[in-house]
N, C-alpha and C. Protein backbone atom coordinates (compact mmCIF):
# COMPACT_ATOMS: atom_id res chain seq x y z
N MET A 1 0.77 -1.28 -0.04
CA MET A 1 0.00 0.06 0.00
C MET A 1 0.92 1.25 0.06
N ALA A 2 0.69 2.19 -0.96
CA ALA A 2 1.62 3.36 -1.12
C ALA A 2 0.81 4.42 -0.20
N VAL A 3 1.50 5.21 0.53
CA VAL A 3 1.10 6.27 1.21
C VAL A 3 1.61 7.61 0.86
N LYS A 4 1.04 8.69 1.20
CA LYS A 4 1.60 9.98 0.86
C LYS A 4 2.29 10.52 2.10
N LEU A 5 3.48 11.09 2.03
CA LEU A 5 4.10 11.66 3.01
C LEU A 5 4.06 13.07 2.82
N HIS A 6 3.32 14.02 3.51
CA HIS A 6 3.25 15.44 3.36
C HIS A 6 4.49 15.92 4.26
N ARG A 7 5.36 16.65 3.69
CA ARG A 7 6.40 17.04 4.40
C ARG A 7 6.90 18.50 3.87
N CYS A 8 7.90 19.07 4.46
CA CYS A 8 8.30 20.31 4.01
C CYS A 8 9.22 20.10 2.72
N PRO A 9 9.37 21.26 1.87
CA PRO A 9 10.13 21.02 0.73
C PRO A 9 11.59 20.88 0.90
N ASN A 10 12.15 21.14 2.17
CA ASN A 10 13.63 21.10 2.38
C ASN A 10 14.07 19.56 2.35
N MET A 11 14.11 18.90 1.25
CA MET A 11 14.42 17.51 1.03
C MET A 11 15.90 17.37 1.42
N TRP A 12 16.73 18.46 1.27
CA TRP A 12 18.26 18.33 1.57
C TRP A 12 18.52 18.15 3.02
N VAL A 13 17.59 18.40 3.82
CA VAL A 13 17.86 18.35 5.28
C VAL A 13 17.78 16.99 5.83
N LYS A 14 18.88 16.37 6.03
CA LYS A 14 18.88 14.83 6.49
C LYS A 14 19.46 14.76 7.73
N LEU A 15 18.97 15.46 8.73
CA LEU A 15 19.35 15.28 10.16
C LEU A 15 18.22 14.50 10.93
N GLN A 16 18.55 13.68 11.83
CA GLN A 16 17.67 12.83 12.59
C GLN A 16 16.71 13.76 13.42
N GLY A 17 17.15 15.01 13.77
CA GLY A 17 16.40 15.85 14.55
C GLY A 17 15.25 16.64 13.68
N HIS A 18 15.35 16.60 12.34
CA HIS A 18 14.37 17.25 11.48
C HIS A 18 13.12 16.34 11.43
N PRO A 19 12.03 16.77 11.89
CA PRO A 19 10.84 16.00 11.90
C PRO A 19 10.40 15.34 10.65
N CYS A 20 10.51 15.97 9.62
CA CYS A 20 10.15 15.37 8.23
C CYS A 20 11.17 14.24 7.88
N TRP A 21 12.43 14.46 8.09
CA TRP A 21 13.43 13.54 7.69
C TRP A 21 13.41 12.31 8.60
N ARG A 22 13.15 12.58 9.89
CA ARG A 22 12.83 11.43 10.88
C ARG A 22 11.73 10.38 10.41
N VAL A 23 10.71 10.91 9.98
CA VAL A 23 9.61 10.14 9.54
C VAL A 23 9.94 9.51 8.17
N GLN A 24 10.42 10.27 7.23
CA GLN A 24 10.78 9.77 5.90
C GLN A 24 11.76 8.58 6.12
N SER A 25 12.85 8.78 6.81
CA SER A 25 13.87 7.78 6.97
C SER A 25 13.33 6.47 7.72
N ALA A 26 12.36 6.70 8.57
CA ALA A 26 11.71 5.40 9.26
C ALA A 26 10.97 4.67 8.11
N LEU A 27 10.29 5.42 7.19
CA LEU A 27 9.58 4.80 6.09
C LEU A 27 10.63 4.08 5.22
N ASP A 28 11.70 4.62 4.95
CA ASP A 28 12.69 4.03 4.09
C ASP A 28 13.29 2.78 4.77
N ARG A 29 13.59 2.89 6.02
CA ARG A 29 14.19 1.67 6.70
C ARG A 29 13.11 0.58 6.77
N LYS A 30 11.90 0.66 6.80
CA LYS A 30 10.88 -0.31 6.86
C LYS A 30 10.52 -0.76 5.48
N GLY A 31 10.91 -0.11 4.30
CA GLY A 31 10.69 -0.49 3.09
C GLY A 31 9.27 -0.18 2.66
N ILE A 32 8.70 0.82 3.29
CA ILE A 32 7.19 1.28 3.01
C ILE A 32 7.23 2.18 1.81
N ASP A 33 6.47 1.68 0.83
CA ASP A 33 6.24 2.51 -0.30
C ASP A 33 5.49 3.83 -0.14
N TYR A 34 6.04 4.92 -0.48
CA TYR A 34 5.44 6.22 -0.16
C TYR A 34 5.74 7.26 -1.35
N GLN A 35 4.80 8.21 -1.43
CA GLN A 35 5.14 9.28 -2.33
C GLN A 35 5.21 10.63 -1.47
N VAL A 36 6.24 11.39 -1.81
CA VAL A 36 6.48 12.52 -1.14
C VAL A 36 5.68 13.71 -1.70
N VAL A 37 5.02 14.46 -0.80
CA VAL A 37 4.15 15.59 -1.31
C VAL A 37 4.86 16.78 -0.56
N LYS A 38 5.48 17.64 -1.42
CA LYS A 38 6.14 18.67 -0.76
C LYS A 38 5.15 19.90 -0.68
N ASP A 39 4.77 20.27 0.54
CA ASP A 39 3.90 21.24 0.87
C ASP A 39 4.63 22.56 1.05
N PRO A 40 3.95 23.67 1.22
CA PRO A 40 4.57 24.89 1.50
C PRO A 40 5.55 24.97 2.74
N LEU A 41 6.56 25.65 2.70
CA LEU A 41 7.46 25.74 3.96
C LEU A 41 6.81 26.68 4.91
N ARG A 42 6.29 27.77 4.52
CA ARG A 42 5.75 28.64 5.42
C ARG A 42 4.43 28.16 6.07
N ARG A 43 4.32 28.36 7.37
CA ARG A 43 3.09 27.68 8.06
C ARG A 43 1.87 28.35 7.63
N SER A 44 1.94 29.65 7.27
CA SER A 44 0.76 30.54 6.88
C SER A 44 0.05 29.98 5.52
N LYS A 45 0.96 29.07 4.78
CA LYS A 45 0.63 28.79 3.42
C LYS A 45 0.12 27.24 3.47
N ARG A 46 0.06 26.65 4.69
CA ARG A 46 -0.21 25.16 4.69
C ARG A 46 -1.75 24.92 4.89
N ASP A 47 -2.54 25.59 4.01
CA ASP A 47 -3.93 25.32 4.05
C ASP A 47 -4.29 23.83 3.76
N GLU A 48 -3.76 23.18 2.83
CA GLU A 48 -4.05 21.77 2.50
C GLU A 48 -3.64 20.89 3.62
N VAL A 49 -2.60 21.18 4.26
CA VAL A 49 -2.21 20.29 5.45
C VAL A 49 -3.14 20.46 6.57
N GLU A 50 -3.63 21.78 6.77
CA GLU A 50 -4.58 21.87 7.82
C GLU A 50 -5.93 21.27 7.44
N ARG A 51 -6.39 21.24 6.13
CA ARG A 51 -7.59 20.62 5.73
C ARG A 51 -7.53 19.14 6.09
N LEU A 52 -6.27 18.59 5.61
CA LEU A 52 -6.17 17.12 5.90
C LEU A 52 -6.12 16.70 7.38
N SER A 53 -5.39 17.49 8.21
CA SER A 53 -5.03 17.01 9.54
C SER A 53 -5.58 17.82 10.67
N GLY A 54 -6.15 18.97 10.30
CA GLY A 54 -6.66 19.84 11.28
C GLY A 54 -5.74 20.83 12.00
N GLN A 55 -4.43 20.77 11.56
CA GLN A 55 -3.35 21.56 12.12
C GLN A 55 -2.30 21.80 10.88
N ARG A 56 -1.38 22.57 11.22
CA ARG A 56 -0.48 23.17 10.12
C ARG A 56 1.03 22.57 10.29
N ASN A 57 1.14 21.44 11.20
CA ASN A 57 2.48 20.88 11.36
C ASN A 57 2.81 19.66 10.51
N TYR A 58 4.14 19.67 10.17
CA TYR A 58 4.55 18.51 9.47
C TYR A 58 5.19 17.52 10.32
N PRO A 59 5.29 16.27 9.92
CA PRO A 59 4.82 15.50 8.70
C PRO A 59 3.47 14.96 8.94
N VAL A 60 2.82 14.74 7.87
CA VAL A 60 1.46 14.11 7.85
C VAL A 60 1.52 12.88 6.89
N ILE A 61 0.99 11.98 7.31
CA ILE A 61 0.91 10.73 6.42
C ILE A 61 -0.60 10.53 5.96
N GLU A 62 -0.74 10.49 4.70
CA GLU A 62 -2.11 10.25 4.08
C GLU A 62 -2.19 8.81 3.44
N PHE A 63 -3.28 8.16 3.86
CA PHE A 63 -3.41 6.73 3.42
C PHE A 63 -4.13 6.73 2.13
N GLU A 64 -4.20 5.64 1.38
CA GLU A 64 -4.95 5.56 0.13
C GLU A 64 -6.48 5.78 0.30
N ASP A 65 -7.08 5.51 1.44
CA ASP A 65 -8.49 5.68 1.66
C ASP A 65 -8.78 7.22 2.03
N GLY A 66 -7.80 8.00 2.00
CA GLY A 66 -7.93 9.48 2.28
C GLY A 66 -7.78 9.88 3.76
N SER A 67 -7.71 8.88 4.59
CA SER A 67 -7.58 9.16 5.96
C SER A 67 -6.11 9.62 6.33
N VAL A 68 -5.89 10.25 7.42
CA VAL A 68 -4.48 10.84 7.58
C VAL A 68 -4.03 10.45 9.12
N TYR A 69 -2.90 10.45 9.19
CA TYR A 69 -2.17 10.22 10.48
C TYR A 69 -1.10 11.26 10.84
N ARG A 70 -1.31 11.85 12.05
CA ARG A 70 -0.35 12.95 12.50
C ARG A 70 -0.01 12.76 14.00
N GLU A 71 1.09 12.67 14.34
CA GLU A 71 1.46 12.71 15.80
C GLU A 71 2.85 13.47 15.74
N GLU A 72 3.44 13.62 16.83
CA GLU A 72 4.86 14.18 16.92
C GLU A 72 5.74 13.25 16.20
N SER A 73 6.70 13.72 15.44
CA SER A 73 7.56 13.04 14.45
C SER A 73 8.19 11.82 15.27
N LYS A 74 8.61 11.98 16.51
CA LYS A 74 9.27 10.83 17.33
C LYS A 74 8.27 9.69 17.41
N ASP A 75 7.01 9.99 17.73
CA ASP A 75 6.08 9.01 17.94
C ASP A 75 5.71 8.32 16.58
N MET A 76 5.73 9.09 15.48
CA MET A 76 5.44 8.46 14.21
C MET A 76 6.55 7.62 13.81
N ALA A 77 7.79 8.06 13.94
CA ALA A 77 8.84 7.28 13.55
C ALA A 77 8.93 5.94 14.39
N GLN A 78 8.63 6.05 15.63
CA GLN A 78 8.72 4.83 16.51
C GLN A 78 7.67 3.84 15.92
N ARG A 79 6.40 4.34 15.72
CA ARG A 79 5.22 3.37 15.26
C ARG A 79 5.71 2.87 14.00
N ILE A 80 6.32 3.54 13.03
CA ILE A 80 6.67 2.99 11.70
C ILE A 80 7.77 1.87 11.86
N SER A 81 8.69 2.23 12.79
CA SER A 81 9.83 1.34 13.12
C SER A 81 9.31 -0.06 13.66
N GLU A 82 8.32 0.14 14.50
CA GLU A 82 7.71 -1.09 15.16
C GLU A 82 6.80 -1.91 14.24
N GLY A 83 6.63 -1.31 12.90
CA GLY A 83 5.84 -2.07 12.03
C GLY A 83 4.34 -1.86 12.15
N LYS A 84 3.85 -0.79 12.90
CA LYS A 84 2.59 -0.56 13.25
C LYS A 84 1.85 0.62 12.58
N LEU A 85 2.39 0.98 11.43
CA LEU A 85 1.83 2.21 10.79
C LEU A 85 0.38 1.99 10.42
N MET A 86 0.05 0.87 9.99
CA MET A 86 -1.43 0.57 9.45
C MET A 86 -2.26 0.58 10.73
N GLU A 87 -1.85 0.48 11.94
CA GLU A 87 -2.73 0.46 13.18
C GLU A 87 -2.73 2.02 13.75
N ALA A 88 -2.11 2.87 13.08
CA ALA A 88 -2.02 4.30 13.62
C ALA A 88 -3.45 4.84 13.70
N PRO A 89 -3.62 5.67 14.69
CA PRO A 89 -4.96 6.41 14.76
C PRO A 89 -5.06 7.42 13.54
N ARG A 90 -6.27 7.30 12.97
CA ARG A 90 -6.40 8.03 11.70
C ARG A 90 -7.65 9.02 11.89
N GLN A 91 -7.64 9.94 11.06
CA GLN A 91 -8.78 10.91 11.05
C GLN A 91 -9.15 11.18 9.64
N GLN A 92 -10.33 11.52 9.37
CA GLN A 92 -10.71 11.98 7.93
C GLN A 92 -10.53 13.45 7.90
N PRO A 93 -10.04 13.89 6.67
CA PRO A 93 -9.80 15.24 6.38
C PRO A 93 -11.20 16.02 6.42
N ALA A 94 -11.19 17.25 6.55
CA ALA A 94 -12.36 18.24 6.55
C ALA A 94 -12.78 18.10 5.11
N ALA A 95 -14.08 18.27 4.93
CA ALA A 95 -14.70 18.36 3.57
C ALA A 95 -14.41 19.67 2.93
N THR A 96 -14.15 19.62 1.59
CA THR A 96 -13.92 20.89 0.93
C THR A 96 -15.28 21.56 0.55
N ALA A 97 -15.30 22.83 0.43
CA ALA A 97 -16.63 23.44 0.05
C ALA A 97 -16.74 23.55 -1.51
């Protein structure tokens, strides 16, 4: 199952302290197929991220059924590393008008 990883556009930042890279590298280590969606860097421009997850923080994982998963990146990376991504608490995005 391919998922979408909504993250900042700073793909060059590959430090474990960077939230987006922390989650992306956990997906890589577990061999999970994903598509990167580079959303705006500026928090004020993250309308789509807010519509999906109810907040403007990265990273956000979007599943094929449209549901999304968002926690602190450490918790997300741990869940992925434990092989429990599909058991993650999900929410449905807000409807578009």
